Amino acid sequence: MRSSGVRCGPMVVYHAGEELLEALRGLQGVPGSYVLALEASRSRWTRVGRLGTCCFPQGYYYYVGSAFGPGGLRARLSRYFQPPQRRHWHIDYLLEIMSVVAVGYVTGPPSREHEWARRLAAAAGIRVPVPAFGSSDCHCPAHLFWSRGYRRFEGILAPADYGAV
């Protein structure tokens, strides 16, 4: 079966759909870093664990993370396409009110989530909607970013030294 993923340097990007779910099957135990692109069709207030009640404006959100534990990328990314069993991470709260529209990932170490968070924070037209979202265990301002319109994140996240276009 031919993959519809778009390779951008080492980053592979899928728009949500059957092709993505098929690709995840081949990632069992494979570690890596990922970005989720989510769409909020309208503005919403929602409670996010210890962060409290937060406003999420209509638009597009980009969440960066890594999967270096058991199960790797397949276990982590597959979790985002199933009804939540329980809320464990900040992102679990958003998955109840937003739709995943795309996923990008890079396999293997090193973790790129902190570099990607810095790149998104510096990108024009992108801002941090909720400080400390997804970054309670590091020094990043957040691991969640917002833009009014959809942005092709691979151009922002995959720098020239990774071979991206």
N, C-alpha and C. Protein backbone atom coordinates (compact mmCIF):
# COMPACT_ATOMS: atom_id res chain seq x y z
N MET A 1 0.85 -1.18 0.00
CA MET A 1 0.00 0.00 0.00
C MET A 1 0.88 1.24 0.00
N ARG A 2 0.62 2.16 -0.89
CA ARG A 2 1.42 3.36 -1.00
C ARG A 2 1.05 4.35 0.11
N SER A 3 2.04 4.92 0.75
CA SER A 3 1.82 5.88 1.82
C SER A 3 1.51 7.25 1.24
N SER A 4 0.60 7.98 1.87
CA SER A 4 0.32 9.34 1.42
C SER A 4 1.02 10.36 2.30
N GLY A 5 1.90 9.88 3.16
CA GLY A 5 2.66 10.80 4.01
C GLY A 5 3.60 11.63 3.16
N VAL A 6 3.81 12.86 3.55
CA VAL A 6 4.72 13.75 2.86
C VAL A 6 6.00 13.81 3.66
N ARG A 7 7.12 13.46 3.05
CA ARG A 7 8.40 13.49 3.76
C ARG A 7 9.03 14.85 3.53
N CYS A 8 9.42 15.49 4.62
CA CYS A 8 10.07 16.80 4.58
C CYS A 8 11.35 16.67 5.39
N GLY A 9 12.47 16.35 4.70
CA GLY A 9 13.67 15.98 5.44
C GLY A 9 13.31 14.71 6.20
N PRO A 10 13.66 14.59 7.45
CA PRO A 10 13.29 13.40 8.19
C PRO A 10 11.86 13.45 8.72
N MET A 11 11.17 14.59 8.56
CA MET A 11 9.81 14.71 9.08
C MET A 11 8.82 14.11 8.10
N VAL A 12 7.91 13.31 8.61
CA VAL A 12 6.81 12.75 7.82
C VAL A 12 5.53 13.42 8.31
N VAL A 13 4.70 13.90 7.37
CA VAL A 13 3.48 14.61 7.71
C VAL A 13 2.28 13.89 7.10
N TYR A 14 1.28 13.64 7.92
CA TYR A 14 0.03 13.05 7.47
C TYR A 14 -1.12 13.95 7.87
N HIS A 15 -2.08 14.09 6.97
CA HIS A 15 -3.34 14.73 7.36
C HIS A 15 -4.20 13.63 7.95
N ALA A 16 -5.01 13.98 8.93
CA ALA A 16 -5.80 12.98 9.64
C ALA A 16 -6.64 12.15 8.67
N GLY A 17 -6.64 10.85 8.88
CA GLY A 17 -7.41 9.95 8.03
C GLY A 17 -6.86 8.55 8.11
N GLU A 18 -7.38 7.69 7.26
CA GLU A 18 -7.00 6.28 7.27
C GLU A 18 -5.51 6.07 7.02
N GLU A 19 -4.90 6.88 6.14
CA GLU A 19 -3.48 6.71 5.84
C GLU A 19 -2.63 6.90 7.08
N LEU A 20 -3.00 7.87 7.91
CA LEU A 20 -2.26 8.11 9.15
C LEU A 20 -2.39 6.91 10.07
N LEU A 21 -3.59 6.42 10.25
CA LEU A 21 -3.79 5.29 11.15
C LEU A 21 -3.04 4.06 10.65
N GLU A 22 -2.98 3.88 9.34
CA GLU A 22 -2.21 2.76 8.76
C GLU A 22 -0.72 2.96 9.04
N ALA A 23 -0.23 4.18 8.88
CA ALA A 23 1.19 4.46 9.11
C ALA A 23 1.58 4.21 10.56
N LEU A 24 0.69 4.50 11.49
CA LEU A 24 0.99 4.31 12.91
C LEU A 24 1.26 2.85 13.24
N ARG A 25 0.63 1.95 12.51
CA ARG A 25 0.84 0.52 12.78
C ARG A 25 2.30 0.12 12.62
N GLY A 26 3.02 0.80 11.75
CA GLY A 26 4.42 0.48 11.52
C GLY A 26 5.38 1.15 12.49
N LEU A 27 4.87 1.88 13.44
CA LEU A 27 5.72 2.64 14.36
C LEU A 27 5.78 2.03 15.76
N GLN A 28 5.37 0.79 15.93
CA GLN A 28 5.39 0.15 17.25
C GLN A 28 6.81 0.14 17.81
N GLY A 29 6.98 0.72 18.98
CA GLY A 29 8.27 0.73 19.65
C GLY A 29 9.28 1.70 19.07
N VAL A 30 8.90 2.46 18.04
CA VAL A 30 9.82 3.42 17.41
C VAL A 30 9.73 4.74 18.16
N PRO A 31 10.84 5.21 18.75
CA PRO A 31 10.81 6.48 19.47
C PRO A 31 10.86 7.66 18.51
N GLY A 32 10.46 8.83 19.00
CA GLY A 32 10.56 10.02 18.16
C GLY A 32 9.86 11.22 18.76
N SER A 33 9.82 12.29 17.97
CA SER A 33 9.17 13.55 18.35
C SER A 33 8.03 13.79 17.37
N TYR A 34 7.01 14.51 17.82
CA TYR A 34 5.85 14.71 16.97
C TYR A 34 5.22 16.08 17.20
N VAL A 35 4.41 16.48 16.23
CA VAL A 35 3.58 17.67 16.35
C VAL A 35 2.17 17.29 15.91
N LEU A 36 1.20 17.69 16.71
CA LEU A 36 -0.22 17.53 16.36
C LEU A 36 -0.74 18.88 15.93
N ALA A 37 -1.45 18.92 14.81
CA ALA A 37 -2.16 20.13 14.40
C ALA A 37 -3.64 19.88 14.69
N LEU A 38 -4.24 20.78 15.44
CA LEU A 38 -5.65 20.64 15.83
C LEU A 38 -6.43 21.85 15.36
N GLU A 39 -7.71 21.64 15.12
CA GLU A 39 -8.58 22.74 14.72
C GLU A 39 -9.67 22.95 15.77
N ALA A 40 -9.81 24.21 16.19
CA ALA A 40 -10.92 24.61 17.06
C ALA A 40 -11.90 25.36 16.17
N SER A 41 -13.06 24.77 15.91
CA SER A 41 -14.02 25.38 14.99
C SER A 41 -14.73 26.59 15.60
N ARG A 42 -14.62 26.72 16.91
CA ARG A 42 -15.16 27.90 17.60
C ARG A 42 -14.37 28.11 18.88
N SER A 43 -14.46 29.31 19.43
CA SER A 43 -13.77 29.61 20.69
C SER A 43 -14.46 28.88 21.83
N ARG A 44 -13.65 28.39 22.76
CA ARG A 44 -14.18 27.63 23.90
C ARG A 44 -13.37 27.93 25.15
N TRP A 45 -14.04 27.86 26.28
CA TRP A 45 -13.39 27.85 27.58
C TRP A 45 -13.43 26.41 28.06
N THR A 46 -12.33 25.92 28.61
CA THR A 46 -12.33 24.57 29.17
C THR A 46 -11.31 24.49 30.29
N ARG A 47 -11.56 23.61 31.22
CA ARG A 47 -10.64 23.40 32.33
C ARG A 47 -9.54 22.47 31.87
N VAL A 48 -8.29 22.83 32.22
CA VAL A 48 -7.12 22.03 31.84
C VAL A 48 -6.32 21.74 33.11
N GLY A 49 -6.71 20.71 33.83
CA GLY A 49 -5.98 20.28 35.02
C GLY A 49 -5.62 21.42 35.94
N ARG A 50 -4.37 21.44 36.38
CA ARG A 50 -3.90 22.47 37.32
C ARG A 50 -3.74 23.84 36.69
N LEU A 51 -3.81 23.92 35.36
CA LEU A 51 -3.74 25.23 34.70
C LEU A 51 -5.03 26.01 34.89
N GLY A 52 -6.10 25.31 35.29
CA GLY A 52 -7.38 25.97 35.52
C GLY A 52 -8.19 26.11 34.24
N THR A 53 -9.16 27.01 34.28
CA THR A 53 -10.03 27.23 33.13
C THR A 53 -9.35 28.20 32.17
N CYS A 54 -9.24 27.78 30.91
CA CYS A 54 -8.49 28.54 29.91
C CYS A 54 -9.36 28.80 28.69
N CYS A 55 -9.09 29.92 28.02
CA CYS A 55 -9.79 30.26 26.79
C CYS A 55 -8.98 29.78 25.59
N PHE A 56 -9.65 29.10 24.67
CA PHE A 56 -9.02 28.63 23.44
C PHE A 56 -9.77 29.24 22.27
N PRO A 57 -9.20 30.30 21.66
CA PRO A 57 -9.88 30.95 20.53
C PRO A 57 -10.01 30.03 19.32
N GLN A 58 -10.97 30.33 18.49
CA GLN A 58 -11.13 29.60 17.23
C GLN A 58 -9.83 29.72 16.44
N GLY A 59 -9.43 28.65 15.78
CA GLY A 59 -8.21 28.67 14.99
C GLY A 59 -7.52 27.33 15.01
N TYR A 60 -6.22 27.37 14.80
CA TYR A 60 -5.42 26.14 14.70
C TYR A 60 -4.38 26.11 15.80
N TYR A 61 -4.17 24.93 16.34
CA TYR A 61 -3.25 24.72 17.45
C TYR A 61 -2.21 23.69 17.05
N TYR A 62 -1.00 23.89 17.55
CA TYR A 62 0.13 23.00 17.26
C TYR A 62 0.73 22.57 18.58
N TYR A 63 0.69 21.28 18.83
CA TYR A 63 1.18 20.73 20.09
C TYR A 63 2.39 19.86 19.80
N VAL A 64 3.52 20.15 20.45
CA VAL A 64 4.74 19.37 20.23
C VAL A 64 4.99 18.47 21.42
N GLY A 65 5.47 17.27 21.13
CA GLY A 65 5.76 16.30 22.19
C GLY A 65 6.77 15.28 21.72
N SER A 66 7.06 14.33 22.59
CA SER A 66 7.99 13.25 22.23
C SER A 66 7.45 11.94 22.78
N ALA A 67 7.94 10.86 22.21
CA ALA A 67 7.49 9.52 22.59
C ALA A 67 8.71 8.61 22.66
N PHE A 68 9.37 8.62 23.80
CA PHE A 68 10.56 7.80 23.99
C PHE A 68 10.33 6.68 25.00
N GLY A 69 9.10 6.52 25.44
CA GLY A 69 8.77 5.45 26.38
C GLY A 69 8.34 4.19 25.66
N PRO A 70 7.85 3.22 26.43
CA PRO A 70 7.39 1.96 25.84
C PRO A 70 6.29 2.23 24.80
N GLY A 71 6.39 1.56 23.68
CA GLY A 71 5.38 1.73 22.63
C GLY A 71 5.73 2.81 21.63
N GLY A 72 6.59 3.76 22.02
CA GLY A 72 7.06 4.79 21.11
C GLY A 72 5.95 5.63 20.48
N LEU A 73 6.21 6.06 19.24
CA LEU A 73 5.28 6.94 18.53
C LEU A 73 3.91 6.31 18.33
N ARG A 74 3.88 5.02 18.04
CA ARG A 74 2.58 4.38 17.80
C ARG A 74 1.69 4.49 19.03
N ALA A 75 2.21 4.14 20.19
CA ALA A 75 1.39 4.18 21.41
C ALA A 75 0.93 5.60 21.71
N ARG A 76 1.84 6.56 21.61
CA ARG A 76 1.49 7.94 21.95
C ARG A 76 0.50 8.53 20.94
N LEU A 77 0.79 8.41 19.66
CA LEU A 77 -0.08 9.03 18.65
C LEU A 77 -1.43 8.32 18.54
N SER A 78 -1.44 7.01 18.66
CA SER A 78 -2.71 6.27 18.59
C SER A 78 -3.65 6.71 19.70
N ARG A 79 -3.09 7.05 20.83
CA ARG A 79 -3.89 7.50 21.98
C ARG A 79 -4.72 8.73 21.63
N TYR A 80 -4.20 9.56 20.73
CA TYR A 80 -4.89 10.80 20.38
C TYR A 80 -6.08 10.58 19.44
N PHE A 81 -6.23 9.37 18.94
CA PHE A 81 -7.33 9.07 18.02
C PHE A 81 -8.36 8.14 18.63
N GLN A 82 -8.31 7.97 19.94
CA GLN A 82 -9.26 7.13 20.66
C GLN A 82 -9.96 7.98 21.71
N PRO A 83 -11.18 7.59 22.08
CA PRO A 83 -11.83 8.32 23.17
C PRO A 83 -10.95 8.24 24.42
N PRO A 84 -10.75 9.38 25.11
CA PRO A 84 -9.86 9.36 26.27
C PRO A 84 -10.38 8.46 27.38
N GLN A 85 -9.51 7.58 27.86
CA GLN A 85 -9.84 6.73 29.00
C GLN A 85 -9.82 7.58 30.27
N ARG A 86 -8.78 8.38 30.38
CA ARG A 86 -8.66 9.32 31.49
C ARG A 86 -7.73 10.44 31.03
N ARG A 87 -7.87 11.59 31.63
CA ARG A 87 -7.00 12.72 31.27
C ARG A 87 -5.70 12.60 32.06
N HIS A 88 -4.62 12.49 31.32
CA HIS A 88 -3.31 12.36 31.96
C HIS A 88 -2.44 13.57 31.63
N TRP A 89 -2.43 13.98 30.36
CA TRP A 89 -1.63 15.11 29.91
C TRP A 89 -2.55 16.29 29.58
N HIS A 90 -1.97 17.48 29.53
CA HIS A 90 -2.75 18.67 29.18
C HIS A 90 -3.48 18.48 27.84
N ILE A 91 -2.83 17.88 26.87
CA ILE A 91 -3.42 17.72 25.54
C ILE A 91 -4.71 16.92 25.59
N ASP A 92 -4.86 16.04 26.55
CA ASP A 92 -6.08 15.22 26.64
C ASP A 92 -7.33 16.08 26.78
N TYR A 93 -7.22 17.23 27.42
CA TYR A 93 -8.36 18.12 27.59
C TYR A 93 -8.76 18.74 26.25
N LEU A 94 -7.79 19.07 25.41
CA LEU A 94 -8.09 19.69 24.12
C LEU A 94 -8.69 18.70 23.14
N LEU A 95 -8.30 17.45 23.24
CA LEU A 95 -8.81 16.45 22.31
C LEU A 95 -10.32 16.26 22.46
N GLU A 96 -10.88 16.72 23.57
CA GLU A 96 -12.32 16.64 23.77
C GLU A 96 -13.07 17.77 23.06
N ILE A 97 -12.36 18.85 22.71
CA ILE A 97 -13.03 20.01 22.12
C ILE A 97 -12.47 20.41 20.76
N MET A 98 -11.44 19.72 20.28
CA MET A 98 -10.81 20.04 19.00
C MET A 98 -10.63 18.78 18.17
N SER A 99 -10.40 18.98 16.88
CA SER A 99 -10.17 17.86 15.96
C SER A 99 -8.72 17.86 15.50
N VAL A 100 -8.10 16.69 15.45
CA VAL A 100 -6.75 16.56 14.90
C VAL A 100 -6.87 16.65 13.38
N VAL A 101 -6.11 17.56 12.77
CA VAL A 101 -6.15 17.72 11.32
C VAL A 101 -4.88 17.22 10.64
N ALA A 102 -3.77 17.15 11.38
CA ALA A 102 -2.52 16.66 10.80
C ALA A 102 -1.57 16.24 11.91
N VAL A 103 -0.65 15.36 11.55
CA VAL A 103 0.39 14.89 12.47
C VAL A 103 1.70 14.88 11.70
N GLY A 104 2.75 15.39 12.33
CA GLY A 104 4.09 15.28 11.78
C GLY A 104 4.98 14.60 12.79
N TYR A 105 5.92 13.79 12.32
CA TYR A 105 6.81 13.14 13.27
C TYR A 105 8.18 12.90 12.66
N VAL A 106 9.15 12.78 13.55
CA VAL A 106 10.53 12.43 13.22
C VAL A 106 10.89 11.27 14.13
N THR A 107 11.45 10.21 13.57
CA THR A 107 11.80 9.05 14.38
C THR A 107 13.19 9.20 14.97
N GLY A 108 13.39 8.50 16.08
CA GLY A 108 14.69 8.41 16.72
C GLY A 108 15.06 9.60 17.57
N PRO A 109 16.10 9.38 18.39
CA PRO A 109 16.64 10.50 19.15
C PRO A 109 17.45 11.38 18.21
N PRO A 110 17.73 12.61 18.62
CA PRO A 110 17.38 13.22 19.89
C PRO A 110 15.94 13.74 19.88
N SER A 111 15.43 14.05 21.07
CA SER A 111 14.11 14.67 21.16
C SER A 111 14.18 16.06 20.54
N ARG A 112 13.21 16.39 19.73
CA ARG A 112 13.18 17.70 19.08
C ARG A 112 12.08 18.61 19.63
N GLU A 113 11.32 18.13 20.62
CA GLU A 113 10.16 18.90 21.08
C GLU A 113 10.53 20.29 21.62
N HIS A 114 11.65 20.42 22.30
CA HIS A 114 12.02 21.73 22.87
C HIS A 114 12.50 22.68 21.77
N GLU A 115 13.25 22.18 20.81
CA GLU A 115 13.67 22.99 19.66
C GLU A 115 12.43 23.43 18.87
N TRP A 116 11.50 22.52 18.66
CA TRP A 116 10.28 22.88 17.93
C TRP A 116 9.47 23.91 18.69
N ALA A 117 9.41 23.80 20.01
CA ALA A 117 8.68 24.79 20.81
C ALA A 117 9.32 26.17 20.64
N ARG A 118 10.65 26.23 20.62
CA ARG A 118 11.34 27.52 20.41
C ARG A 118 11.03 28.07 19.02
N ARG A 119 11.04 27.22 18.02
CA ARG A 119 10.78 27.66 16.64
C ARG A 119 9.35 28.18 16.48
N LEU A 120 8.39 27.47 17.04
CA LEU A 120 7.00 27.93 16.95
C LEU A 120 6.80 29.23 17.70
N ALA A 121 7.41 29.36 18.88
CA ALA A 121 7.28 30.59 19.66
C ALA A 121 7.83 31.80 18.91
N ALA A 122 8.83 31.57 18.05
CA ALA A 122 9.46 32.66 17.31
C ALA A 122 8.81 32.93 15.96
N ALA A 123 7.92 32.08 15.51
CA ALA A 123 7.32 32.21 14.18
C ALA A 123 6.29 33.34 14.14
N ALA A 124 6.30 34.09 13.04
CA ALA A 124 5.34 35.18 12.86
C ALA A 124 3.92 34.63 12.78
N GLY A 125 3.00 35.29 13.44
CA GLY A 125 1.60 34.90 13.38
C GLY A 125 1.21 33.75 14.28
N ILE A 126 2.16 33.27 15.08
CA ILE A 126 1.89 32.17 16.00
C ILE A 126 2.15 32.68 17.41
N ARG A 127 1.28 32.30 18.34
CA ARG A 127 1.47 32.75 19.72
C ARG A 127 1.18 31.61 20.70
N VAL A 128 1.58 31.81 21.94
CA VAL A 128 1.31 30.85 23.02
C VAL A 128 -0.06 31.20 23.59
N PRO A 129 -1.05 30.33 23.47
CA PRO A 129 -2.37 30.66 23.99
C PRO A 129 -2.51 30.48 25.50
N VAL A 130 -1.77 29.50 26.05
CA VAL A 130 -1.83 29.21 27.48
C VAL A 130 -0.41 28.93 27.97
N PRO A 131 0.21 29.87 28.70
CA PRO A 131 1.56 29.62 29.20
C PRO A 131 1.64 28.33 30.02
N ALA A 132 2.71 27.59 29.84
CA ALA A 132 3.02 26.34 30.55
C ALA A 132 2.20 25.13 30.07
N PHE A 133 1.36 25.30 29.05
CA PHE A 133 0.59 24.17 28.54
C PHE A 133 1.54 23.14 27.97
N GLY A 134 1.52 21.94 28.52
CA GLY A 134 2.34 20.84 28.03
C GLY A 134 3.81 20.93 28.40
N SER A 135 4.18 21.94 29.16
CA SER A 135 5.61 22.12 29.47
C SER A 135 5.87 22.19 30.97
N SER A 136 5.06 21.52 31.76
CA SER A 136 5.25 21.57 33.21
C SER A 136 6.52 20.86 33.66
N ASP A 137 7.11 20.05 32.79
CA ASP A 137 8.33 19.32 33.16
C ASP A 137 9.58 19.87 32.47
N CYS A 138 9.50 21.08 31.90
CA CYS A 138 10.68 21.67 31.24
C CYS A 138 10.63 23.19 31.38
N HIS A 139 11.55 23.88 30.73
CA HIS A 139 11.63 25.33 30.83
C HIS A 139 11.06 26.05 29.62
N CYS A 140 10.39 25.33 28.73
CA CYS A 140 9.77 25.97 27.57
C CYS A 140 8.58 26.81 28.03
N PRO A 141 8.28 27.91 27.32
CA PRO A 141 7.11 28.71 27.70
C PRO A 141 5.81 27.92 27.55
N ALA A 142 5.77 26.98 26.62
CA ALA A 142 4.62 26.11 26.38
C ALA A 142 5.00 25.11 25.30
N HIS A 143 4.17 24.08 25.16
CA HIS A 143 4.32 23.15 24.04
C HIS A 143 3.08 23.21 23.16
N LEU A 144 2.23 24.22 23.39
CA LEU A 144 1.03 24.44 22.59
C LEU A 144 1.08 25.85 22.01
N PHE A 145 0.76 25.94 20.71
CA PHE A 145 0.83 27.22 19.99
C PHE A 145 -0.43 27.39 19.16
N TRP A 146 -0.78 28.64 18.86
CA TRP A 146 -2.03 28.96 18.17
C TRP A 146 -1.76 29.88 16.99
N SER A 147 -2.54 29.69 15.93
CA SER A 147 -2.58 30.66 14.82
C SER A 147 -4.02 30.75 14.33
N ARG A 148 -4.36 31.90 13.79
CA ARG A 148 -5.73 32.11 13.31
C ARG A 148 -6.04 31.19 12.13
N GLY A 149 -5.11 31.09 11.18
CA GLY A 149 -5.28 30.22 10.01
C GLY A 149 -4.31 29.07 10.07
N TYR A 150 -4.55 28.05 9.26
CA TYR A 150 -3.68 26.87 9.26
C TYR A 150 -2.31 27.23 8.71
N ARG A 151 -1.28 26.78 9.39
CA ARG A 151 0.11 27.00 8.97
C ARG A 151 0.75 25.65 8.69
N ARG A 152 1.50 25.55 7.62
CA ARG A 152 2.25 24.32 7.34
C ARG A 152 3.42 24.28 8.30
N PHE A 153 3.28 23.49 9.33
CA PHE A 153 4.26 23.47 10.41
C PHE A 153 5.60 22.88 10.01
N GLU A 154 5.64 22.01 9.00
CA GLU A 154 6.91 21.38 8.65
C GLU A 154 7.95 22.40 8.19
N GLY A 155 7.53 23.49 7.57
CA GLY A 155 8.47 24.52 7.15
C GLY A 155 9.04 25.30 8.32
N ILE A 156 8.30 25.36 9.41
CA ILE A 156 8.76 26.05 10.62
C ILE A 156 9.62 25.13 11.46
N LEU A 157 9.23 23.86 11.57
CA LEU A 157 9.87 22.94 12.50
C LEU A 157 11.09 22.23 11.96
N ALA A 158 11.14 21.98 10.66
CA ALA A 158 12.23 21.19 10.09
C ALA A 158 13.26 22.13 9.47
N PRO A 159 14.28 22.51 10.22
CA PRO A 159 15.27 23.46 9.72
C PRO A 159 16.15 22.85 8.63
N ALA A 160 16.87 23.72 7.95
CA ALA A 160 17.71 23.30 6.83
C ALA A 160 18.71 22.22 7.22
N ASP A 161 19.22 22.26 8.45
CA ASP A 161 20.21 21.25 8.84
C ASP A 161 19.59 19.86 8.99
N TYR A 162 18.26 19.75 8.99
CA TYR A 162 17.61 18.44 8.97
C TYR A 162 17.28 18.02 7.55
N GLY A 163 17.59 18.86 6.57
CA GLY A 163 17.34 18.52 5.18
C GLY A 163 15.95 18.88 4.70
N ALA A 164 15.24 19.74 5.41
CA ALA A 164 13.89 20.10 5.00
C ALA A 164 13.91 21.12 3.88
N VAL A 165 12.80 21.20 3.17
CA VAL A 165 12.68 22.19 2.10
C VAL A 165 11.95 23.41 2.61
